[in-house]
Amino acid sequence: MRRLCLRRERVRNRRSLLLSLLAGGLLATGCGGSTASRSGHGNVNVLYAGSLQNLLEKTVGPAFQRATGYTFSGYPAGSTELANEIRGGVRRGEVFISAAPKVNSTLTGTAGGNWVSWYAPFATTRLVLGYDPAGRFAKALRSRPWYQVITEPGFRLGFTDPKLDPKGVLAVAALDAAAKRYGEPALKRIAGEQGDLFPEQDLVGRLQSGQLDAGFFYSVEASAAKIPTVTLGPVKEESVYTITVLNRAQDPAGASAFVKFLLGATGKALMKSVGLSVISSPTAVGIGAPSSLASVIKSG
């Protein structure tokens, strides 16, 4: 009788163990995929254009972590500044996101340290003028041409350093184009003023804290930060975001997982939600894109 009871107890234990394993598997696969989708571990260090800070830190990063199990670790700055730091060995990462395709060329070949072999353009955004809705020039910006208002005495305008960030290059180009188009020589003077230059990752905060009346932003960062904007009218400047996995990345699998997530259905939906114009089928420029990314990046 005792042996029979022991057998029954063993059977019950086995059944309980089997049910636990099945339940764990169901929980892991429910609501969003297989256990493989959350098999990642460790940090994925993403070096990215500062204009994407709100998008990556508040939405994409946390969503990536929940979906894969990896930890998102991001560092924002001007794209050119980041490239300089990567090339100089000051900054290390797995993924590099630039706001201008040509920045990648500074990281290719022997001169660039062979950090980049390929990159994929994946989204575009427009340059706009964002302003402080509580500032003393807010009403004027809503009712008068922007290129006239920013030349008024006491107007505090901010944009990024063209030497460190592609957005600064576009801001100078927009000011120069407007100066020529509208006959406003004061705009060329503004384009050359060093006192108006700020780090890309600081510009939003300076505007929101009332230190600036307006600044040149990408529409994506203005949307994410809920900054009111005025368009530049016929003066049109646009940025193209690119992404790559850096050569000698410490965790290439984690890097590929992030790229696949950002360029997949969920990532694209998050990018569209803040106004980015997403490229439907990103195509690699260069050679060596990982085969694991074939589902989201076409070979060039």
Protein backbone atom coordinates (compact mmCIF):
# COMPACT_ATOMS: atom_id res chain seq x y z
CA MET A 1 0.00 0.00 0.00
CA ARG A 2 2.84 2.33 0.91
CA ARG A 3 4.55 1.63 -2.46
CA LEU A 4 1.33 2.42 -4.29
CA CYS A 5 1.03 5.75 -2.49
CA LEU A 6 4.61 6.63 -3.37
CA ARG A 7 4.00 5.87 -7.05
CA ARG A 8 0.89 8.05 -7.05
CA GLU A 9 2.83 10.86 -5.37
CA ARG A 10 5.58 10.65 -8.01
CA VAL A 11 3.01 10.77 -10.81
CA ARG A 12 1.38 13.84 -9.24
CA ASN A 13 4.77 15.54 -8.90
CA ARG A 14 5.62 14.84 -12.52
CA ARG A 15 2.27 16.21 -13.66
CA SER A 16 2.79 19.32 -11.55
CA LEU A 17 6.24 19.85 -13.02
CA LEU A 18 4.94 19.38 -16.56
CA LEU A 19 2.08 21.82 -15.97
CA SER A 20 4.51 24.39 -14.54
CA LEU A 21 6.77 24.12 -17.55
CA LEU A 22 3.83 24.44 -19.92
CA ALA A 23 2.48 27.43 -18.03
CA GLY A 24 5.88 29.12 -18.13
CA GLY A 25 6.09 28.57 -21.86
CA LEU A 26 2.61 29.92 -22.42
CA LEU A 27 3.34 32.98 -20.34
CA ALA A 28 6.54 33.60 -22.27
CA THR A 29 4.89 33.23 -25.65
CA GLY A 30 1.62 34.99 -24.90
CA CYS A 31 0.90 38.49 -26.17
CA GLY A 32 3.74 39.02 -28.56
CA GLY A 33 5.81 36.11 -29.73
CA SER A 34 7.94 33.13 -28.86
CA THR A 35 10.43 32.66 -26.06
CA ALA A 36 13.18 33.52 -28.59
CA SER A 37 11.88 37.09 -28.78
CA ARG A 38 12.97 37.64 -25.14
CA SER A 39 16.16 35.63 -25.18
CA GLY A 40 18.48 38.64 -25.07
CA HIS A 41 20.54 39.76 -22.10
CA GLY A 42 23.03 42.53 -21.43
CA ASN A 43 23.23 46.14 -22.60
CA VAL A 44 22.92 47.43 -26.14
CA ASN A 45 24.74 50.74 -26.28
CA VAL A 46 23.20 53.02 -28.92
CA LEU A 47 24.99 56.23 -29.90
CA TYR A 48 22.39 58.41 -31.57
CA ALA A 49 21.57 61.87 -32.96
CA GLY A 50 20.33 63.98 -30.06
CA SER A 51 17.18 64.98 -31.93
CA LEU A 52 15.88 61.45 -31.29
CA GLN A 53 16.37 61.62 -27.53
CA ASN A 54 12.71 61.70 -26.49
CA LEU A 55 11.73 59.04 -29.00
CA LEU A 56 14.48 56.58 -28.06
CA GLU A 57 14.62 57.12 -24.32
CA LYS A 58 10.89 57.32 -23.61
CA THR A 59 9.29 54.97 -26.14
CA VAL A 60 11.59 52.91 -28.37
CA GLY A 61 14.13 52.00 -25.69
CA PRO A 62 11.61 50.73 -23.10
CA ALA A 63 9.60 48.90 -25.78
CA PHE A 64 12.78 47.22 -27.06
CA GLN A 65 13.64 46.04 -23.56
CA ARG A 66 10.17 44.57 -22.98
CA ALA A 67 10.18 42.79 -26.33
CA THR A 68 13.69 41.32 -26.30
CA GLY A 69 15.08 41.15 -22.79
CA TYR A 70 18.06 43.34 -23.71
CA THR A 71 18.70 46.59 -21.83
CA PHE A 72 18.74 49.75 -23.91
CA SER A 73 21.57 52.15 -23.09
CA GLY A 74 21.64 55.32 -25.17
CA TYR A 75 23.94 58.31 -25.55
CA PRO A 76 22.69 61.38 -27.49
CA ALA A 77 24.78 64.10 -29.13
CA GLY A 78 25.35 65.82 -32.45
CA SER A 79 26.01 63.25 -35.17
CA THR A 80 29.34 64.72 -36.24
CA GLU A 81 30.42 65.04 -32.62
CA LEU A 82 29.58 61.37 -32.01
CA ALA A 83 31.51 60.29 -35.09
CA ASN A 84 34.53 62.26 -33.90
CA GLU A 85 34.34 60.57 -30.49
CA ILE A 86 33.95 57.09 -32.01
CA ARG A 87 36.91 57.65 -34.33
CA GLY A 88 39.00 59.03 -31.47
CA GLY A 89 38.23 56.09 -29.18
CA VAL A 90 36.43 58.32 -26.69
CA ARG A 91 33.01 56.69 -27.18
CA ARG A 92 32.22 53.01 -27.74
CA GLY A 93 28.91 51.51 -28.75
CA GLU A 94 27.09 48.82 -30.70
CA VAL A 95 24.77 50.95 -32.85
CA PHE A 96 25.27 54.37 -34.43
CA ILE A 97 22.33 56.50 -35.60
CA SER A 98 23.22 59.61 -37.58
CA ALA A 99 21.08 62.49 -38.81
CA ALA A 100 23.07 62.77 -42.06
CA PRO A 101 24.29 59.96 -44.36
CA LYS A 102 27.62 61.64 -45.11
CA VAL A 103 28.66 61.48 -41.44
CA ASN A 104 29.08 57.71 -41.87
CA SER A 105 31.82 58.29 -44.43
CA THR A 106 34.00 59.80 -41.69
CA LEU A 107 34.02 56.39 -39.99
CA THR A 108 34.81 54.26 -43.05
CA GLY A 109 38.17 53.07 -44.35
CA THR A 110 41.53 53.32 -42.66
CA ALA A 111 41.23 57.07 -42.11
CA GLY A 112 37.92 56.57 -40.31
CA GLY A 113 39.14 53.71 -38.19
CA ASN A 114 37.08 51.15 -40.15
CA TRP A 115 34.18 51.59 -37.72
CA VAL A 116 31.49 51.59 -40.42
CA SER A 117 31.20 49.29 -43.44
CA TRP A 118 27.53 49.90 -44.23
CA TYR A 119 24.57 52.00 -43.17
CA ALA A 120 20.87 52.15 -43.98
CA PRO A 121 18.77 55.33 -44.32
CA PHE A 122 15.48 54.65 -42.49
CA ALA A 123 13.57 57.91 -41.92
CA THR A 124 13.43 61.61 -42.75
CA THR A 125 12.36 64.74 -40.88
CA ARG A 126 11.91 68.42 -41.75
CA LEU A 127 13.69 71.42 -40.23
CA VAL A 128 11.24 73.76 -38.46
CA LEU A 129 11.36 76.73 -36.11
CA GLY A 130 10.17 75.78 -32.63
CA TYR A 131 9.24 78.56 -30.22
CA ASP A 132 8.41 79.19 -26.56
CA PRO A 133 4.59 79.54 -26.39
CA ALA A 134 4.95 81.70 -23.27
CA GLY A 135 7.68 83.90 -24.74
CA ARG A 136 7.23 87.54 -25.64
CA PHE A 137 7.66 86.82 -29.36
CA ALA A 138 5.20 83.89 -29.50
CA LYS A 139 2.29 85.97 -30.82
CA ALA A 140 4.48 87.57 -33.48
CA LEU A 141 5.74 84.20 -34.68
CA ARG A 142 2.17 82.96 -35.04
CA SER A 143 1.09 85.97 -37.09
CA ARG A 144 4.13 87.30 -38.95
CA PRO A 145 6.88 85.84 -41.17
CA TRP A 146 9.46 84.00 -39.06
CA TYR A 147 12.39 85.52 -40.94
CA GLN A 148 11.31 89.00 -39.86
CA VAL A 149 10.53 88.20 -36.23
CA ILE A 150 13.87 86.54 -35.44
CA THR A 151 15.76 89.69 -36.49
CA GLU A 152 14.00 91.89 -33.92
CA PRO A 153 16.11 93.33 -31.06
CA GLY A 154 16.27 91.04 -28.04
CA PHE A 155 15.15 87.91 -29.88
CA ARG A 156 16.97 84.85 -28.47
CA LEU A 157 17.49 82.21 -31.16
CA GLY A 158 19.27 78.91 -30.73
CA PHE A 159 20.66 76.28 -33.10
CA THR A 160 23.37 73.64 -33.04
CA ASP A 161 27.01 74.01 -34.03
CA PRO A 162 27.42 73.19 -37.75
CA LYS A 163 30.85 71.72 -36.95
CA LEU A 164 29.31 69.15 -34.60
CA ASP A 165 25.79 68.52 -35.84
CA PRO A 166 24.11 68.26 -39.27
CA LYS A 167 21.10 70.18 -37.99
CA GLY A 168 23.34 73.19 -37.46
CA VAL A 169 24.40 72.92 -41.09
CA LEU A 170 20.76 72.91 -42.17
CA ALA A 171 19.93 75.85 -39.90
CA VAL A 172 22.70 77.95 -41.46
CA ALA A 173 21.56 76.89 -44.93
CA ALA A 174 17.98 77.91 -44.11
CA LEU A 175 19.08 81.32 -42.79
CA ASP A 176 21.27 81.95 -45.84
CA ALA A 177 18.49 80.88 -48.22
CA ALA A 178 15.96 83.11 -46.47
CA ALA A 179 18.37 86.05 -46.50
CA LYS A 180 18.74 85.74 -50.25
CA ARG A 181 15.07 85.01 -50.97
CA TYR A 182 13.59 87.79 -48.84
CA GLY A 183 16.36 90.37 -48.98
CA GLU A 184 17.09 90.17 -45.23
CA PRO A 185 20.87 90.59 -44.76
CA ALA A 186 20.44 90.41 -40.98
CA LEU A 187 19.74 86.68 -41.38
CA LYS A 188 23.26 86.06 -42.67
CA ARG A 189 24.64 87.82 -39.62
CA ILE A 190 22.55 85.59 -37.38
CA ALA A 191 23.82 82.51 -39.22
CA GLY A 192 27.37 83.40 -38.25
CA GLU A 193 26.78 84.27 -34.60
CA GLN A 194 28.60 81.85 -32.28
CA GLY A 195 26.54 82.87 -29.25
CA ASP A 196 23.48 81.16 -30.71
CA LEU A 197 25.12 77.71 -30.78
CA PHE A 198 24.18 75.02 -28.27
CA PRO A 199 24.70 71.23 -27.93
CA GLU A 200 21.92 69.33 -29.67
CA GLN A 201 20.95 67.44 -26.52
CA ASP A 202 20.53 70.74 -24.61
CA LEU A 203 18.54 72.79 -27.10
CA VAL A 204 15.07 71.46 -26.19
CA GLY A 205 15.66 72.04 -22.48
CA ARG A 206 16.91 75.58 -23.03
CA LEU A 207 13.79 76.46 -25.00
CA GLN A 208 11.42 74.84 -22.50
CA SER A 209 13.08 76.61 -19.58
CA GLY A 210 12.56 80.02 -21.21
CA GLN A 211 16.23 80.67 -22.04
CA LEU A 212 15.40 80.94 -25.74
CA ASP A 213 12.53 82.48 -27.70
CA ALA A 214 12.93 80.00 -30.55
CA GLY A 215 15.29 77.47 -32.04
CA PHE A 216 15.78 75.37 -35.13
CA PHE A 217 14.57 71.82 -34.54
CA TYR A 218 13.64 68.76 -36.51
CA SER A 219 9.90 68.19 -36.63
CA VAL A 220 10.36 64.82 -34.89
CA GLU A 221 11.96 66.30 -31.77
CA ALA A 222 9.51 69.21 -31.64
CA SER A 223 6.61 66.76 -31.87
CA ALA A 224 8.02 64.46 -29.18
CA ALA A 225 8.69 67.40 -26.83
CA LYS A 226 5.34 69.08 -27.66
CA ILE A 227 7.04 72.28 -28.85
CA PRO A 228 4.87 74.51 -31.09
CA THR A 229 6.43 75.25 -34.46
CA VAL A 230 6.17 77.38 -37.56
CA THR A 231 7.22 76.06 -40.94
CA LEU A 232 9.98 77.73 -42.92
CA GLY A 233 7.67 78.13 -45.93
CA PRO A 234 9.43 77.73 -49.27
CA VAL A 235 12.77 77.38 -47.46
CA LYS A 236 12.85 73.61 -47.14
CA GLU A 237 15.60 71.68 -45.37
CA GLU A 238 15.35 67.98 -44.54
CA SER A 239 17.44 65.46 -42.64
CA VAL A 240 17.87 61.73 -43.34
CA TYR A 241 18.46 59.38 -40.41
CA THR A 242 20.73 56.38 -40.91
CA ILE A 243 21.56 53.37 -38.75
CA THR A 244 24.45 50.91 -38.64
CA VAL A 245 26.01 48.28 -36.43
CA LEU A 246 29.52 49.49 -35.59
CA ASN A 247 32.40 47.21 -36.46
CA ARG A 248 34.04 45.66 -33.39
CA ALA A 249 30.79 46.07 -31.44
CA GLN A 250 31.05 44.20 -28.15
CA ASP A 251 27.61 42.64 -28.61
CA PRO A 252 26.80 42.34 -32.34
CA ALA A 253 23.82 40.08 -31.62
CA GLY A 254 22.30 42.69 -29.32
CA ALA A 255 23.04 45.41 -31.87
CA SER A 256 21.26 43.45 -34.61
CA ALA A 257 18.33 42.85 -32.27
CA PHE A 258 17.95 46.61 -31.74
CA VAL A 259 18.16 47.41 -35.46
CA LYS A 260 15.63 44.69 -36.23
CA PHE A 261 13.26 46.05 -33.58
CA LEU A 262 13.56 49.70 -34.67
CA LEU A 263 13.01 48.88 -38.34
CA GLY A 264 10.32 46.30 -37.63
CA ALA A 265 6.57 46.88 -37.37
CA THR A 266 6.56 48.10 -33.76
CA GLY A 267 9.53 50.43 -34.21
CA LYS A 268 8.10 51.92 -37.39
CA ALA A 269 4.78 52.57 -35.66
CA LEU A 270 6.55 54.36 -32.79
CA MET A 271 8.56 56.48 -35.23
CA LYS A 272 5.46 57.43 -37.20
CA SER A 273 3.67 58.41 -33.98
CA VAL A 274 6.07 61.37 -33.53
CA GLY A 275 5.94 62.45 -37.15
CA LEU A 276 8.96 60.76 -38.70
CA SER A 277 8.58 59.90 -42.37
CA VAL A 278 9.63 56.26 -42.32
CA ILE A 279 11.32 54.66 -45.33
CA SER A 280 9.28 51.54 -46.03
CA SER A 281 12.13 49.36 -47.29
CA PRO A 282 15.52 50.55 -46.02
CA THR A 283 18.42 49.61 -48.30
CA ALA A 284 21.99 49.20 -47.11
CA VAL A 285 24.68 51.49 -48.49
CA GLY A 286 28.04 49.72 -48.52
CA ILE A 287 28.75 46.06 -47.79
CA GLY A 288 28.64 43.72 -44.83
CA ALA A 289 25.17 44.26 -43.37
CA PRO A 290 24.48 41.23 -41.12
CA SER A 291 22.38 38.48 -42.71
CA SER A 292 20.27 38.51 -39.55
CA LEU A 293 18.91 41.90 -40.69
CA ALA A 294 17.78 40.70 -44.13
CA SER A 295 14.15 40.89 -43.04
CA VAL A 296 14.36 44.67 -42.40
CA ILE A 297 17.26 45.88 -44.59
CA LYS A 298 17.69 45.13 -48.28
CA SER A 299 21.16 44.60 -49.72
CA GLY A 300 22.48 47.54 -51.71
